[in-house]
Protein backbone atom coordinates (compact mmCIF):
# COMPACT_ATOMS: atom_id res chain seq x y z
CA MET A 1 3.74 20.42 -32.18
CA VAL A 2 2.11 21.27 -29.01
CA SER A 3 1.08 17.58 -28.41
CA VAL A 4 4.66 16.86 -28.94
CA LEU A 5 6.22 19.54 -26.31
CA PHE A 6 3.45 18.24 -23.98
CA ALA A 7 3.92 14.65 -24.22
CA PHE A 8 8.17 15.14 -23.79
CA LEU A 9 6.93 17.47 -20.64
CA MET A 10 5.06 14.23 -19.04
CA SER A 11 7.79 12.08 -19.66
CA CYS A 12 10.42 14.06 -17.92
CA ASN A 13 8.10 14.69 -15.49
CA SER A 14 7.76 10.76 -14.21
CA LYS A 15 10.75 9.63 -12.11
CA GLU A 16 10.12 6.04 -13.13
CA GLU A 17 8.56 4.83 -16.13
CA LYS A 18 5.33 2.43 -16.35
CA LYS A 19 7.67 -0.22 -18.08
CA ASP A 20 9.89 -0.35 -14.43
CA TYR A 21 6.94 -1.79 -12.66
CA ASN A 22 5.75 -5.24 -12.06
CA HIS A 23 2.02 -5.74 -10.99
CA VAL A 24 1.49 -8.11 -8.05
CA VAL A 25 -1.66 -9.25 -6.29
CA TYR A 26 -1.99 -10.29 -2.87
CA ARG A 27 -4.46 -11.60 -0.75
CA ALA A 28 -4.80 -12.38 2.90
CA VAL A 29 -7.53 -13.98 5.16
CA ASN A 30 -7.87 -13.12 9.20
CA ASN A 31 -11.20 -15.29 10.04
CA LYS A 32 -13.69 -14.16 7.93
CA ASP A 33 -12.15 -10.98 7.09
CA THR A 34 -10.55 -10.76 3.71
CA ALA A 35 -8.05 -8.31 2.26
CA ILE A 36 -6.79 -8.08 -1.44
CA LEU A 37 -3.67 -5.93 -1.71
CA ALA A 38 -3.18 -5.32 -6.13
CA ILE A 39 0.33 -3.22 -6.50
CA ASN A 40 2.37 -2.14 -9.10
CA LYS A 41 6.44 -1.96 -7.71
CA SER A 42 9.46 -0.95 -9.00
CA ASN A 43 12.55 -1.27 -6.57
CA LYS A 44 12.08 1.81 -5.13
CA ARG A 45 8.28 2.96 -5.25
CA PHE A 46 4.93 1.15 -5.02
CA TYR A 47 1.29 2.21 -5.64
CA GLY A 48 -1.87 0.28 -6.00
CA ARG A 49 -5.21 -0.73 -4.32
CA TYR A 50 -5.99 -2.26 -1.53
CA GLU A 51 -9.56 -3.36 -0.02
CA ILE A 52 -10.31 -4.90 3.22
CA SER A 53 -13.92 -6.38 3.47
CA TYR A 54 -15.03 -7.25 6.99
CA TYR A 55 -17.66 -10.18 7.31
CA ARG A 56 -21.15 -8.94 7.80
CA VAL A 57 -19.74 -5.30 8.45
CA GLY A 58 -18.66 -3.63 5.22
CA LYS A 59 -15.36 -2.56 3.80
CA ASP A 60 -12.24 -0.45 3.95
CA SER A 61 -11.51 0.69 -0.16
CA GLY A 62 -8.78 3.08 -1.13
CA ASP A 63 -5.53 3.46 -2.64
CA VAL A 64 -2.04 2.69 -1.33
CA ARG A 65 1.50 4.15 -2.36
CA GLY A 66 4.85 4.41 -1.18
CA ASP A 67 8.52 3.80 -0.71
CA ILE A 68 10.87 0.38 -0.88
CA LYS A 69 13.62 -0.06 1.30
CA GLY A 70 15.15 -3.42 1.41
CA ASP A 71 12.35 -5.93 2.31
CA THR A 72 10.23 -3.06 3.60
CA LEU A 73 7.18 -1.59 1.96
CA ARG A 74 6.01 1.73 3.36
CA GLY A 75 3.51 4.11 2.82
CA ASP A 76 -0.11 5.13 3.37
CA PHE A 77 -3.57 3.82 2.47
CA HIS A 78 -6.27 6.52 1.53
CA TYR A 79 -9.65 4.88 1.68
CA ILE A 80 -13.33 5.08 2.08
CA SER A 81 -14.30 3.08 5.12
CA ASN A 82 -17.74 1.02 4.87
CA GLY A 83 -18.84 3.89 2.25
CA GLY A 84 -18.47 6.93 4.66
CA SER A 85 -15.58 9.29 4.68
CA TRP A 86 -12.46 9.48 3.26
CA LYS A 87 -9.72 8.65 5.99
CA ARG A 88 -5.57 7.98 5.62
CA ILE A 89 -3.35 5.53 7.64
CA PRO A 90 -0.06 4.99 7.22
CA ILE A 91 0.97 1.69 5.92
CA ALA A 92 4.02 -0.67 6.68
CA LEU A 93 4.45 -4.27 4.89
CA LEU A 94 7.55 -6.62 5.42
CA LYS A 95 8.78 -9.18 2.77
CA LYS A 96 9.83 -12.51 4.26
CA GLN A 97 9.32 -16.01 3.02
CA ASN A 98 7.26 -14.53 -0.81
CA LYS A 99 4.75 -13.30 2.10
CA LEU A 100 3.77 -9.72 2.83
CA PHE A 101 3.58 -9.11 6.43
CA LEU A 102 1.38 -6.28 7.93
CA GLY A 103 3.02 -4.11 10.35
CA SER A 104 1.36 -2.34 13.09
CA GLY A 105 2.43 0.21 15.64
CA ILE A 106 2.12 4.15 17.20
CA ILE A 107 0.59 6.26 14.99
CA GLY A 108 0.73 9.85 15.50
CA THR A 109 0.83 12.77 13.34
CA TYR A 110 3.34 15.24 11.54
CA MET A 111 2.25 18.17 9.21
CA ASN A 112 -1.52 17.11 9.72
CA LEU A 113 -0.56 13.57 8.02
CA PRO A 114 -0.52 10.31 9.73
CA CYS A 115 2.38 8.51 10.41
CA PHE A 116 4.16 5.89 12.61
CA ILE A 117 5.80 7.87 15.24
CA PRO A 118 9.43 7.78 14.30
CA GLY A 119 11.88 5.71 16.88
CA THR A 120 8.73 3.11 17.93
CA PRO A 121 9.01 -0.42 16.61
CA ILE A 122 6.26 -1.58 14.21
CA GLU A 123 5.48 -5.19 14.80
CA TYR A 124 5.00 -7.56 12.14
CA ASN A 125 4.89 -11.02 14.33
CA ASN A 126 1.51 -10.58 15.18
CA SER A 127 0.18 -9.39 12.09
CA LYS A 128 -3.59 -8.96 11.29
CA PHE A 129 -2.90 -10.06 7.87
CA VAL A 130 -0.05 -12.49 5.80
CA PHE A 131 -0.20 -11.79 2.48
CA GLU A 132 0.36 -14.37 -0.36
CA GLU A 133 0.64 -13.76 -4.18
CA VAL A 134 -2.46 -14.74 -6.14
CA LYS A 135 -1.09 -15.89 -9.57
CA GLU A 136 -3.47 -14.40 -12.20
């Protein structure tokens, strides 16, 4: 009885079911740096893993999560930089022509969390990484 009640409470607590998400893997290359983005997407949310390998320097590796509004994915990247300490930065991706363009902008903090400063533009034209879907 307790396990049935626990299962019921857990299912009521989730906003969207796992079956509503589809798994997609993207890869981008900039000079000799490579980024892999493996995310699960629904109509409104995304979550997954993001890893940037810097040629001969190391890597940033961690979790991404956020919201999807139209053709834009906005959230945060919580990662360990080169095996050091945990960091968190905002992330914005624009979906255009079946690719994801990594955005850049002015970063500030709100309630001690980093975010893009509202009212300032996020630039997608000179993206450091342009992700293309990898067929598994």
